[in-house]
Amino acid sequence: MAANDLARAVRAQLGLGRVLPLGGPADGAWISERAARTALLCSPGTPPYIRLSALRLTLDAPDDAPAPTVPPPPSALPPGPLRLTADVTAPPDRPLPPLAARLRTALLTAAEHDLGLRLTAVDLRITDLLDEPAADAPRDEASPGAAEAAVPRAGAETGAPDRGTPPGPQAPTDPDDLAARILAVPGVARLAPALAGRSRPVARTDDGTHVLIQLATTAGHRPLDVARAVRRAVTGPPPAPETAAVLITAVRYR
């Protein structure tokens, strides 16, 4: 039984992918590679007639990455700039250099403005050509099965609700009711634990000074902005935690 539990935990962690930094060293925010990857694959600026696969995100300069100012989630990468690599299947009738340039721009824009990833390099490899010429049909908003982990284009300036959307409920005054405080932040869809061995979505240290939060975000909210707002909502003078780390494990598309 213990062996089966361990195997399930390992499979879950592998599916989650790397724990990637959002923002900079002081932001205390991370996102699962699975959530970030699917969001980038559904980027609205991606040409509709290409296919992306084997998309991976790693630190661009691991030796130069700064340390975070708050305790990170287990196995999290430090908050340094990231490099994206991906394989591309392209149409046979389009010039490849401008197509690659357009795709690279779309991925860089989506990473920063839709998610909050500091992406500084995009390496694309054309691995195959489609059987049919390109059709300029509008790109679907999301591929099948991707809606849970992708985002639409959101404004970079705010993590607040869209115009006309009523604000979230008022945060509770009880500093110990951390889950309620988190769920009251606009842009939080639900608490969503995904780390192997970390089944509690709100895990406070024994001394109460730090908390690790795992959550999913709603459509129209930049994950980095939501993470910042959650950290402000739960930290403060005792008995509230002094520091908080937020891990985004899923990003809703709609």
Protein backbone atom coordinates (compact mmCIF):
# COMPACT_ATOMS: atom_id res chain seq x y z
CA MET A 1 0.00 0.00 0.00
CA ALA A 2 2.81 2.38 0.90
CA ALA A 3 4.55 1.57 -2.38
CA ASN A 4 1.37 2.36 -4.33
CA ASP A 5 0.97 5.67 -2.49
CA LEU A 6 4.58 6.56 -3.29
CA ALA A 7 4.11 5.69 -6.95
CA ARG A 8 1.01 7.84 -7.17
CA ALA A 9 2.83 10.74 -5.51
CA VAL A 10 5.74 10.45 -7.95
CA ARG A 11 3.40 10.34 -10.97
CA ALA A 12 1.52 13.38 -9.67
CA GLN A 13 4.75 15.34 -9.17
CA LEU A 14 6.04 14.43 -12.63
CA GLY A 15 2.75 15.54 -14.16
CA LEU A 16 2.99 18.86 -12.36
CA GLY A 17 6.40 19.52 -13.89
CA ARG A 18 8.83 22.09 -12.58
CA VAL A 19 7.76 24.68 -10.02
CA LEU A 20 8.51 27.90 -11.90
CA PRO A 21 9.02 31.38 -10.44
CA LEU A 22 6.48 34.12 -11.12
CA GLY A 23 7.79 37.66 -10.92
CA GLY A 24 10.96 38.45 -9.01
CA PRO A 25 12.67 37.49 -5.73
CA ALA A 26 10.31 39.57 -3.55
CA ASP A 27 7.06 38.30 -5.10
CA GLY A 28 6.96 34.93 -3.32
CA ALA A 29 4.99 33.44 -6.22
CA TRP A 30 5.39 30.29 -8.28
CA ILE A 31 3.40 28.39 -10.92
CA SER A 32 3.44 24.76 -11.97
CA GLU A 33 5.04 24.06 -15.33
CA ARG A 34 1.91 22.14 -16.35
CA ALA A 35 -0.32 25.19 -15.86
CA ALA A 36 2.14 27.59 -17.51
CA ARG A 37 2.81 25.27 -20.45
CA THR A 38 -0.85 24.77 -21.33
CA ALA A 39 -1.55 28.49 -21.05
CA LEU A 40 1.29 29.29 -23.42
CA LEU A 41 0.17 26.63 -25.89
CA CYS A 42 -3.20 28.41 -26.05
CA SER A 43 -1.71 31.88 -26.47
CA PRO A 44 -4.10 34.02 -28.58
CA GLY A 45 -1.21 35.45 -30.59
CA THR A 46 0.00 32.05 -31.79
CA PRO A 47 -0.58 31.55 -35.54
CA PRO A 48 -3.59 29.25 -36.02
CA TYR A 49 -1.90 27.03 -38.58
CA ILE A 50 1.07 25.79 -36.51
CA ARG A 51 1.37 23.11 -33.85
CA LEU A 52 3.56 23.33 -30.77
CA SER A 53 4.84 20.34 -28.82
CA ALA A 54 7.51 19.40 -26.28
CA LEU A 55 7.26 22.86 -24.71
CA ARG A 56 9.57 23.13 -21.70
CA LEU A 57 10.51 25.94 -19.31
CA THR A 58 13.84 26.09 -17.48
CA LEU A 59 16.05 28.70 -15.85
CA ASP A 60 17.99 30.66 -18.44
CA ALA A 61 21.03 31.17 -16.19
CA PRO A 62 20.75 28.83 -13.15
CA ASP A 63 24.04 29.93 -11.59
CA ASP A 64 22.98 33.59 -11.59
CA ALA A 65 19.42 33.17 -10.31
CA PRO A 66 18.81 35.15 -7.09
CA ALA A 67 17.40 33.59 -3.94
CA PRO A 68 13.76 34.30 -3.05
CA THR A 69 13.06 36.52 -0.07
CA VAL A 70 10.49 34.04 1.34
CA PRO A 71 10.79 30.28 1.82
CA PRO A 72 9.88 28.66 -1.53
CA PRO A 73 7.69 25.61 -2.17
CA PRO A 74 9.51 22.24 -2.21
CA SER A 75 11.65 21.74 -5.35
CA ALA A 76 10.83 25.25 -6.61
CA LEU A 77 13.23 26.95 -9.00
CA PRO A 78 14.77 30.23 -7.79
CA PRO A 79 13.25 33.45 -9.22
CA GLY A 80 15.52 33.92 -12.23
CA PRO A 81 14.66 34.57 -15.88
CA LEU A 82 13.36 31.57 -17.82
CA ARG A 83 14.10 29.98 -21.19
CA LEU A 84 11.37 28.33 -23.27
CA THR A 85 12.06 25.54 -25.75
CA ALA A 86 9.49 23.99 -28.09
CA ASP A 87 9.13 21.90 -31.23
CA VAL A 88 7.07 23.39 -34.06
CA THR A 89 5.11 21.75 -36.86
CA ALA A 90 4.69 24.39 -39.56
CA PRO A 91 2.71 24.68 -42.81
CA PRO A 92 4.59 23.87 -46.03
CA ASP A 93 3.65 27.13 -47.77
CA ARG A 94 4.79 29.76 -45.26
CA PRO A 95 8.30 31.27 -44.92
CA LEU A 96 9.73 29.82 -41.73
CA PRO A 97 11.83 32.76 -40.37
CA PRO A 98 8.92 35.26 -40.12
CA LEU A 99 6.64 32.52 -38.83
CA ALA A 100 9.12 31.70 -36.07
CA ALA A 101 9.53 35.39 -35.23
CA ARG A 102 5.76 35.84 -34.93
CA LEU A 103 5.46 32.79 -32.71
CA ARG A 104 8.36 33.88 -30.52
CA THR A 105 6.76 37.31 -29.99
CA ALA A 106 3.42 35.72 -29.11
CA LEU A 107 5.00 33.45 -26.50
CA LEU A 108 7.05 36.23 -24.93
CA THR A 109 3.99 38.48 -24.72
CA ALA A 110 1.76 35.79 -23.26
CA ALA A 111 4.34 34.78 -20.66
CA GLU A 112 4.71 38.31 -19.30
CA HIS A 113 1.29 39.87 -19.75
CA ASP A 114 -0.96 36.84 -19.23
CA LEU A 115 0.98 34.97 -16.54
CA GLY A 116 3.78 37.05 -15.03
CA LEU A 117 6.64 34.77 -16.12
CA ARG A 118 9.97 36.47 -16.73
CA LEU A 119 10.76 34.82 -20.05
CA THR A 120 13.94 36.08 -21.70
CA ALA A 121 14.69 33.43 -24.34
CA VAL A 122 12.56 31.34 -26.71
CA ASP A 123 14.22 28.53 -28.67
CA LEU A 124 12.06 27.05 -31.43
CA ARG A 125 12.86 24.00 -33.53
CA ILE A 126 10.95 23.24 -36.72
CA THR A 127 10.58 19.47 -36.55
CA ASP A 128 7.94 18.74 -39.18
CA LEU A 129 5.70 20.20 -41.86
CA LEU A 130 1.93 19.89 -42.04
CA ASP A 131 0.39 17.92 -44.89
CA GLU A 132 -1.90 20.79 -45.89
CA PRO A 133 -1.15 24.46 -46.66
CA ALA A 134 -1.97 27.01 -44.00
CA ALA A 135 -5.55 28.16 -43.61
CA ASP A 136 -6.09 31.59 -42.11
CA ALA A 137 -9.05 30.52 -40.00
CA PRO A 138 -9.36 32.05 -36.52
CA ARG A 139 -7.47 30.14 -33.90
CA ASP A 140 -9.55 28.27 -31.32
CA GLU A 141 -9.33 29.81 -27.88
CA ALA A 142 -8.17 26.53 -26.38
CA SER A 143 -7.37 23.04 -27.51
CA PRO A 144 -9.49 20.16 -26.13
CA GLY A 145 -8.75 19.52 -22.50
CA ALA A 146 -6.71 22.69 -22.07
CA ALA A 147 -9.36 24.97 -20.59
CA GLU A 148 -8.47 24.24 -16.98
CA ALA A 149 -4.85 25.34 -17.25
CA ALA A 150 -4.91 28.18 -19.76
CA VAL A 151 -5.70 31.89 -19.62
CA PRO A 152 -7.12 34.49 -22.01
CA ARG A 153 -5.18 37.68 -22.64
CA ALA A 154 -5.49 39.80 -19.54
CA GLY A 155 -4.32 43.33 -18.87
CA ALA A 156 -0.86 43.48 -17.34
CA GLU A 157 -1.72 46.39 -15.13
CA THR A 158 -4.19 44.79 -12.74
CA GLY A 159 -5.33 41.63 -11.04
CA ALA A 160 -8.72 43.20 -10.29
CA PRO A 161 -12.00 41.97 -11.78
CA ASP A 162 -12.94 43.06 -15.29
CA ARG A 163 -15.04 46.21 -15.69
CA GLY A 164 -18.60 45.46 -14.65
CA THR A 165 -17.68 42.43 -12.50
CA PRO A 166 -18.71 42.83 -8.87
CA PRO A 167 -15.84 42.74 -6.36
CA GLY A 168 -15.19 39.66 -4.28
CA PRO A 169 -16.54 39.30 -0.74
CA GLN A 170 -14.98 41.24 2.09
CA ALA A 171 -12.06 39.37 3.68
CA PRO A 172 -12.78 38.02 7.17
CA THR A 173 -11.25 39.79 10.12
CA ASP A 174 -10.11 36.57 11.85
CA PRO A 175 -6.37 36.29 11.02
CA ASP A 176 -6.45 32.53 11.65
CA ASP A 177 -9.09 31.92 8.99
CA LEU A 178 -6.52 31.91 6.19
CA ALA A 179 -8.56 29.84 3.75
CA ALA A 180 -11.46 32.30 3.89
CA ARG A 181 -9.09 35.22 3.42
CA ILE A 182 -7.56 33.56 0.35
CA LEU A 183 -10.91 32.70 -1.23
CA ALA A 184 -12.05 36.31 -0.75
CA VAL A 185 -9.29 37.61 -3.03
CA PRO A 186 -10.54 38.44 -6.56
CA GLY A 187 -9.10 36.02 -9.06
CA VAL A 188 -8.88 33.01 -6.73
CA ALA A 189 -10.96 30.15 -8.16
CA ARG A 190 -10.35 27.60 -5.42
CA LEU A 191 -7.70 26.09 -3.19
CA ALA A 192 -5.98 23.43 -5.31
CA PRO A 193 -3.17 21.35 -3.76
CA ALA A 194 -0.97 19.55 -6.29
CA LEU A 195 2.47 19.05 -4.71
CA ALA A 196 3.23 15.45 -3.84
CA GLY A 197 3.13 15.02 -0.07
CA ARG A 198 1.51 18.44 0.40
CA SER A 199 -2.19 17.60 0.43
CA ARG A 200 -3.10 20.67 2.50
CA PRO A 201 -3.66 23.69 0.24
CA VAL A 202 -2.87 26.06 3.13
CA ALA A 203 0.13 24.69 5.05
CA ARG A 204 1.41 26.80 7.93
CA THR A 205 4.75 26.12 9.58
CA ASP A 206 4.79 24.82 13.15
CA ASP A 207 5.85 28.22 14.51
CA GLY A 208 3.11 29.96 12.50
CA THR A 209 5.44 32.45 10.84
CA HIS A 210 5.15 31.18 7.25
CA VAL A 211 2.42 29.66 5.08
CA LEU A 212 2.50 27.84 1.72
CA ILE A 213 -0.68 28.29 -0.34
CA GLN A 214 -1.67 26.23 -3.40
CA LEU A 215 -4.51 27.62 -5.50
CA ALA A 216 -6.13 27.96 -8.91
CA THR A 217 -6.92 31.29 -10.56
CA THR A 218 -9.98 32.39 -12.50
CA ALA A 219 -10.25 33.71 -16.05
CA GLY A 220 -9.32 37.33 -16.63
CA HIS A 221 -6.84 37.55 -13.75
CA ARG A 222 -3.08 37.52 -14.16
CA PRO A 223 -1.70 34.78 -11.85
CA LEU A 224 1.19 36.94 -10.61
CA ASP A 225 -1.21 39.72 -9.59
CA VAL A 226 -3.48 37.23 -7.82
CA ALA A 227 -0.52 35.74 -5.94
CA ARG A 228 0.60 39.18 -4.79
CA ALA A 229 -2.91 40.01 -3.58
CA VAL A 230 -3.18 36.72 -1.70
CA ARG A 231 0.11 37.33 0.07
CA ARG A 232 -1.05 40.77 1.17
CA ALA A 233 -4.33 39.31 2.41
CA VAL A 234 -2.83 36.62 4.65
CA THR A 235 0.34 38.18 6.06
CA GLY A 236 0.64 40.67 8.88
CA PRO A 237 1.46 40.99 12.56
CA PRO A 238 0.95 37.92 14.79
CA PRO A 239 -1.12 35.82 14.89
CA ALA A 240 -1.07 36.14 11.09
CA PRO A 241 1.92 34.60 9.26
CA GLU A 242 4.84 36.93 8.67
CA THR A 243 5.55 35.51 5.19
CA ALA A 244 3.67 33.54 2.55
CA ALA A 245 4.54 31.66 -0.63
CA VAL A 246 1.87 31.12 -3.29
CA LEU A 247 1.94 28.29 -5.84
CA ILE A 248 -0.49 28.56 -8.77
CA THR A 249 -1.38 24.98 -9.71
CA ALA A 250 -4.09 25.69 -12.32
CA VAL A 251 -5.21 28.66 -14.39
CA ARG A 252 -8.76 28.71 -15.65
CA TYR A 253 -9.39 29.72 -19.23
CA ARG A 254 -13.10 30.57 -18.91
